[in-house]
Amino acid sequence: MNRRDFLRTAGGAAGGASAAAVGAGTVAAAEQEEGGGGSVQPEWPSYVEDAEDGSYEDLRGESEVTVEVGTGSGFAFTPTKVWVDPGTTVVFEFIEGGHNVKPNSQPDGGGLGGTEGGEFDTIPEGETYEPTLETGGMYTYYCAPHEGQGMKGAVAVGDEVSTVEVESGGGAEELNPEHMGVPFHPHYVGVSTIVMMVVSLLFTFFLLKYGESPNAKGGNN
């Protein structure tokens, strides 16, 4: 192969690698977009900032969702924060007894009445409390005997609730593609194609600087 043919081949390889890298980036962005829900959440009230567990799930599209009562250390609602559609039934399932569900705040006309009995009457293990939340807005609730231990939760209902964009966590974990919400394989492909580009460009540089190899001389004679 003479120098002109080599340059043409190397240029084509570099261009193809560039296209592959751009394609990988596009796939990653598309998959991040399709993942939904991860970057935008309801604006949760400060009341649940110190809630035990603190987990969140976007459960819109479900007609019935389950919140487990008494999980983790025994003083948590899991998931602690959920986003649902109007008309969704929230099933509070008592994994442990000795707890209850009492409303802290809710929109006008909200259907979170709380478990039966007084403030400190509790529900046995295995029982459920199943309110259906028709009215959009933010609901917060707690377990009366254990509110001080952070046994609190929140339900955002509908798309009218205020939302915030949630950024990825800081520190070293930010380097993990999975933690950034992008699958690993597009990053792997992108790195590989960039390496290919660099190799092609270095080859071209050395060929231009030092000319054809001795083995190639006279090849066209």
Protein backbone atom coordinates (compact mmCIF):
# COMPACT_ATOMS: atom_id res chain seq x y z
CA MET A 1 0.00 0.00 0.00
CA ASN A 2 1.49 3.39 -0.96
CA ARG A 3 1.35 6.44 1.27
CA ARG A 4 -1.64 8.01 -0.49
CA ASP A 5 -3.71 4.83 -0.15
CA PHE A 6 -2.69 4.49 3.47
CA LEU A 7 -3.72 8.07 4.25
CA ARG A 8 -7.07 7.50 2.57
CA THR A 9 -7.61 4.31 4.61
CA ALA A 10 -6.50 5.90 7.88
CA GLY A 11 -8.75 8.90 7.30
CA GLY A 12 -11.71 6.63 6.64
CA ALA A 13 -11.02 4.66 9.82
CA ALA A 14 -10.78 7.82 11.89
CA GLY A 15 -14.01 9.16 10.39
CA GLY A 16 -15.77 5.88 11.06
CA ALA A 17 -14.51 5.89 14.64
CA SER A 18 -15.76 9.44 15.10
CA ALA A 19 -19.20 8.45 13.81
CA ALA A 20 -19.27 5.46 16.14
CA ALA A 21 -18.35 7.63 19.11
CA VAL A 22 -21.09 10.12 18.28
CA GLY A 23 -23.53 7.24 17.79
CA ALA A 24 -22.63 5.78 21.18
CA GLY A 25 -23.18 9.15 22.79
CA THR A 26 -26.55 9.44 21.09
CA VAL A 27 -27.58 5.99 22.30
CA ALA A 28 -26.51 6.85 25.83
CA ALA A 29 -28.49 10.08 25.78
CA ALA A 30 -31.54 8.33 24.36
CA GLU A 31 -31.39 5.59 26.97
CA GLN A 32 -31.01 8.17 29.72
CA GLU A 33 -34.07 9.99 28.38
CA GLU A 34 -36.07 6.75 28.18
CA GLY A 35 -35.17 5.93 31.77
CA GLY A 36 -37.40 8.85 32.80
CA GLY A 37 -38.20 9.80 36.36
CA GLY A 38 -34.61 9.64 37.57
CA SER A 39 -33.71 13.28 36.98
CA VAL A 40 -37.02 14.92 37.91
CA GLN A 41 -38.83 14.32 41.20
CA PRO A 42 -41.61 16.00 43.12
CA GLU A 43 -40.40 18.75 45.42
CA TRP A 44 -40.66 16.89 48.70
CA PRO A 45 -41.55 18.91 51.80
CA SER A 46 -38.97 19.47 54.51
CA TYR A 47 -41.14 17.39 56.86
CA VAL A 48 -39.75 14.19 55.34
CA GLU A 49 -36.12 15.26 55.07
CA ASP A 50 -35.22 13.25 58.19
CA ALA A 51 -37.48 10.31 57.35
CA GLU A 52 -36.06 6.86 58.05
CA ASP A 53 -35.06 4.92 54.90
CA GLY A 54 -35.81 7.87 52.57
CA SER A 55 -36.28 5.75 49.43
CA TYR A 56 -38.22 7.07 46.44
CA GLU A 57 -40.14 5.40 43.60
CA ASP A 58 -41.99 6.84 40.64
CA LEU A 59 -45.04 4.54 40.50
CA ARG A 60 -47.22 6.51 38.11
CA GLY A 61 -49.15 4.26 35.79
CA GLU A 62 -50.01 1.80 38.55
CA SER A 63 -53.57 1.56 39.83
CA GLU A 64 -52.40 0.12 43.14
CA VAL A 65 -49.08 0.51 44.94
CA THR A 66 -47.73 -0.92 48.18
CA VAL A 67 -45.95 0.91 50.99
CA GLU A 68 -44.51 -1.45 53.60
CA VAL A 69 -44.82 -0.36 57.23
CA GLY A 70 -42.15 -1.26 59.78
CA THR A 71 -39.28 -2.13 57.45
CA GLY A 72 -35.52 -1.67 57.85
CA SER A 73 -34.80 -0.74 61.44
CA GLY A 74 -38.50 -1.29 62.14
CA PHE A 75 -39.28 2.43 61.95
CA ALA A 76 -39.60 3.06 58.22
CA PHE A 77 -42.15 3.28 55.44
CA THR A 78 -40.75 1.69 52.26
CA PRO A 79 -40.70 3.32 49.82
CA THR A 80 -40.73 6.48 51.91
CA LYS A 81 -41.70 8.75 49.02
CA VAL A 82 -43.86 7.73 46.05
CA TRP A 83 -45.26 9.53 43.03
CA VAL A 84 -48.62 8.18 41.81
CA ASP A 85 -51.52 9.11 39.56
CA PRO A 86 -54.85 10.42 40.91
CA GLY A 87 -57.14 7.53 41.77
CA THR A 88 -54.32 5.24 42.87
CA THR A 89 -54.91 3.01 45.89
CA VAL A 90 -51.99 3.08 48.32
CA VAL A 91 -51.81 -0.19 50.25
CA PHE A 92 -50.03 0.30 53.58
CA GLU A 93 -48.94 -3.24 54.46
CA PHE A 94 -47.93 -3.74 58.08
CA ILE A 95 -44.79 -5.86 57.98
CA GLU A 96 -44.50 -5.29 61.73
CA GLY A 97 -47.24 -4.54 64.21
CA GLY A 98 -47.19 -1.70 66.69
CA HIS A 99 -47.42 1.06 64.09
CA ASN A 100 -50.11 3.22 62.51
CA VAL A 101 -50.60 5.73 59.70
CA LYS A 102 -51.76 9.24 60.53
CA PRO A 103 -52.05 12.20 58.13
CA ASN A 104 -49.75 15.16 58.66
CA SER A 105 -50.81 17.29 55.68
CA GLN A 106 -52.81 16.82 52.48
CA PRO A 107 -54.64 18.88 49.84
CA ASP A 108 -58.22 19.97 50.39
CA GLY A 109 -60.46 17.00 49.73
CA GLY A 110 -57.60 14.52 50.16
CA GLY A 111 -58.56 10.98 51.09
CA LEU A 112 -55.84 10.10 53.59
CA GLY A 113 -57.88 9.64 56.74
CA GLY A 114 -55.37 7.48 58.59
CA THR A 115 -55.82 4.15 60.35
CA GLU A 116 -58.74 3.71 62.72
CA GLY A 117 -58.58 4.55 66.40
CA GLY A 118 -56.85 7.26 68.39
CA GLU A 119 -53.48 8.82 67.76
CA PHE A 120 -51.56 6.00 69.40
CA ASP A 121 -53.78 3.04 68.51
CA THR A 122 -51.68 0.65 66.44
CA ILE A 123 -52.32 -1.96 63.77
CA PRO A 124 -51.31 -5.65 64.04
CA GLU A 125 -48.77 -7.28 61.76
CA GLY A 126 -50.24 -8.54 58.49
CA GLU A 127 -53.08 -5.98 58.36
CA THR A 128 -53.41 -3.34 55.65
CA TYR A 129 -54.74 0.20 55.33
CA GLU A 130 -55.81 1.05 51.77
CA PRO A 131 -56.80 4.65 51.01
CA THR A 132 -57.53 5.71 47.43
CA LEU A 133 -56.10 9.16 46.68
CA GLU A 134 -58.25 10.92 44.11
CA THR A 135 -57.16 14.52 44.75
CA GLY A 136 -53.88 15.69 43.26
CA GLY A 137 -51.25 17.27 45.48
CA MET A 138 -48.76 16.42 48.21
CA TYR A 139 -49.65 14.15 51.12
CA THR A 140 -47.45 13.57 54.18
CA TYR A 141 -48.06 11.10 56.97
CA TYR A 142 -46.38 9.50 59.99
CA CYS A 143 -46.56 6.75 62.57
CA ALA A 144 -47.69 8.49 65.75
CA PRO A 145 -45.77 6.31 68.26
CA HIS A 146 -42.53 6.61 66.25
CA GLU A 147 -42.62 10.01 64.53
CA GLY A 148 -39.60 11.04 66.59
CA GLN A 149 -37.62 8.13 65.13
CA GLY A 150 -38.24 9.43 61.62
CA MET A 151 -41.14 7.16 60.75
CA LYS A 152 -42.62 9.47 58.14
CA GLY A 153 -43.56 9.34 54.49
CA ALA A 154 -45.00 11.27 51.57
CA VAL A 155 -47.13 10.62 48.52
CA ALA A 156 -47.15 13.00 45.54
CA VAL A 157 -50.34 12.61 43.50
CA GLY A 158 -50.66 13.76 39.91
CA ASP A 159 -48.57 15.91 37.59
CA GLU A 160 -49.58 19.22 39.14
CA VAL A 161 -47.15 18.87 42.06
CA SER A 162 -44.06 21.07 42.06
CA THR A 163 -41.01 19.26 40.70
CA VAL A 164 -37.26 19.70 40.92
CA GLU A 165 -34.38 18.41 38.83
CA VAL A 166 -32.28 16.04 40.93
CA GLU A 167 -28.56 16.04 40.13
CA SER A 168 -26.30 13.01 40.37
CA GLY A 169 -24.48 12.40 43.62
CA GLY A 170 -21.10 13.99 44.17
CA GLY A 171 -17.69 12.53 44.90
CA ALA A 172 -16.03 9.50 43.36
CA GLU A 173 -19.35 7.78 42.74
CA GLU A 174 -20.08 10.36 40.05
CA LEU A 175 -17.58 8.54 37.82
CA ASN A 176 -19.67 5.39 37.80
CA PRO A 177 -21.80 5.45 34.61
CA GLU A 178 -24.52 3.37 36.24
CA HIS A 179 -24.82 5.94 39.04
CA MET A 180 -25.14 8.69 36.45
CA GLY A 181 -28.16 6.93 34.98
CA VAL A 182 -26.40 5.88 31.75
CA PRO A 183 -25.83 2.17 30.98
CA PHE A 184 -22.20 1.09 30.96
CA HIS A 185 -21.94 -0.28 27.40
CA PRO A 186 -22.25 3.07 25.53
CA HIS A 187 -19.34 4.42 27.59
CA TYR A 188 -17.29 1.33 26.82
CA VAL A 189 -17.94 1.67 23.09
CA GLY A 190 -17.16 5.38 23.22
CA VAL A 191 -13.80 4.80 24.92
CA SER A 192 -12.90 2.06 22.42
CA THR A 193 -13.66 4.25 19.40
CA ILE A 194 -11.66 7.16 20.81
CA VAL A 195 -8.67 4.81 21.23
CA MET A 196 -9.08 3.74 17.60
CA MET A 197 -9.08 7.37 16.49
CA VAL A 198 -5.90 8.13 18.43
CA VAL A 199 -4.11 5.08 17.00
CA SER A 200 -5.12 6.03 13.44
CA LEU A 201 -3.92 9.60 13.89
CA LEU A 202 -0.57 8.48 15.39
CA PHE A 203 -0.03 6.11 12.48
CA THR A 204 -0.72 8.92 10.03
CA PHE A 205 1.63 11.28 11.90
CA PHE A 206 4.58 8.86 11.84
CA LEU A 207 4.02 8.00 8.21
CA LEU A 208 4.03 11.66 7.20
CA LYS A 209 7.09 12.38 9.33
CA TYR A 210 9.28 9.41 8.36
CA GLY A 211 7.84 8.44 4.98
CA GLU A 212 7.14 5.01 3.63
CA SER A 213 8.74 1.97 5.23
CA PRO A 214 11.72 0.33 3.45
CA ASN A 215 9.59 -2.68 2.57
CA ALA A 216 7.14 -0.44 0.67
CA LYS A 217 9.84 1.27 -1.49
CA GLY A 218 9.82 0.30 -5.05
CA GLY A 219 6.46 -1.35 -4.76
CA ASN A 220 5.12 0.54 -7.77
CA ASN A 221 8.15 -0.02 -10.02
